[in-house]
Protein backbone atom coordinates (compact mmCIF):
# COMPACT_ATOMS: atom_id res chain seq x y z
CA MET A 1 0.00 0.00 0.00
CA GLY A 2 2.83 2.45 0.78
CA ILE A 3 2.77 5.89 2.31
CA ARG A 4 -0.25 7.97 1.37
CA HIS A 5 -0.81 11.67 1.91
CA THR A 6 -4.02 11.34 3.86
CA GLU A 7 -5.25 12.62 7.19
CA GLU A 8 -4.27 9.25 8.67
CA ALA A 9 -0.65 9.84 7.59
CA LYS A 10 -0.57 13.05 9.64
CA ARG A 11 -1.14 11.21 12.93
CA LEU A 12 1.38 12.09 15.61
CA ASP A 13 1.48 8.58 17.11
CA THR A 14 3.38 7.02 14.22
CA ILE A 15 6.92 6.09 13.28
CA HIS A 16 8.05 6.43 9.68
CA PHE A 17 10.08 3.40 8.57
CA SER A 18 11.80 3.21 5.21
CA SER A 19 14.23 0.89 3.51
CA ILE A 20 16.84 1.53 0.87
CA PRO A 21 18.03 -2.06 0.33
CA TRP A 22 20.17 -1.17 -2.69
CA TYR A 23 22.56 1.15 -0.82
CA ASN A 24 24.90 0.86 2.10
CA PHE A 25 25.25 4.13 3.97
CA THR A 26 27.04 5.59 6.97
CA GLY A 27 24.60 8.44 7.45
CA LEU A 28 21.22 9.55 6.18
CA THR A 29 19.09 12.62 6.62
CA HIS A 30 15.43 13.10 5.85
CA ALA A 31 13.89 16.05 4.05
CA ARG A 32 11.78 18.23 6.33
CA HIS A 33 9.28 20.98 5.86
CA PHE A 34 9.97 23.19 8.87
CA GLN A 35 6.61 24.96 8.71
CA PHE A 36 4.97 21.62 9.53
CA LYS A 37 5.38 20.64 13.18
CA ASP A 38 6.94 17.21 13.03
CA SER A 39 8.37 15.13 15.85
CA ILE A 40 7.66 11.77 14.22
CA PRO A 41 10.65 9.39 14.47
CA LYS A 42 12.11 8.30 11.16
CA ILE A 43 14.02 5.01 10.93
CA SER A 44 15.69 3.88 7.70
CA PHE A 45 17.45 0.63 6.88
CA GLY A 46 20.04 0.22 4.14
CA LYS A 47 21.70 -2.63 2.26
CA TYR A 48 23.13 -5.30 4.49
CA SER A 49 26.64 -6.58 3.92
CA LYS A 50 28.81 -9.36 5.29
CA LYS A 51 32.21 -8.58 6.78
CA GLU A 52 34.44 -11.02 8.66
CA GLY A 53 31.57 -13.49 8.95
CA LYS A 54 29.17 -10.93 10.46
CA LEU A 55 26.15 -9.32 8.86
CA ASN A 56 26.01 -5.54 9.01
CA LEU A 57 22.85 -3.51 8.51
CA PRO A 58 23.01 0.28 8.31
CA ILE A 59 20.29 1.98 10.34
CA ALA A 60 19.63 5.72 10.45
CA ILE A 61 17.43 7.05 13.24
CA ASN A 62 16.19 10.63 13.24
CA LEU A 63 14.02 11.87 16.06
CA HIS A 64 13.41 14.95 18.13
CA HIS A 65 15.41 15.02 21.37
CA GLY A 66 12.30 16.15 23.22
CA LEU A 67 10.72 12.82 22.30
CA ALA A 68 13.60 10.48 23.21
CA ASP A 69 17.33 10.55 23.77
CA GLY A 70 20.34 8.29 23.21
CA TYR A 71 19.32 6.03 26.08
CA HIS A 72 16.02 5.19 24.38
CA ILE A 73 17.69 4.67 21.01
CA GLY A 74 20.13 2.31 22.71
CA GLN A 75 17.23 0.33 24.19
CA TYR A 76 15.59 0.08 20.75
CA LEU A 77 18.80 -1.09 19.09
CA GLU A 78 19.51 -3.67 21.81
CA GLU A 79 16.02 -5.15 21.42
CA PHE A 80 16.32 -5.06 17.62
CA GLN A 81 19.64 -6.94 17.83
CA LYS A 82 18.10 -9.55 20.15
CA LEU A 83 15.32 -10.13 17.63
CA LEU A 84 17.83 -10.46 14.78
CA ASN A 85 19.85 -12.98 16.80
CA ALA A 86 16.79 -15.12 17.60
């Protein structure tokens, strides 16, 4: 179905996830329209690669510091890693 520009897409209780499986990246930014109040977290995944027998998956996380901080991002990434390991 994909992202649609509807009233539902403007909800504040969402997280925007995206994937760019063709590219490996070390950083990623998201376009913003600063006249629109936006504190929705944006999480993007890139192309995974294998190095020294380990899989690597680039993840970019953009969110407003008033919503969460590094501690919360760390909790998310730890849980995500546990799920990948399972």
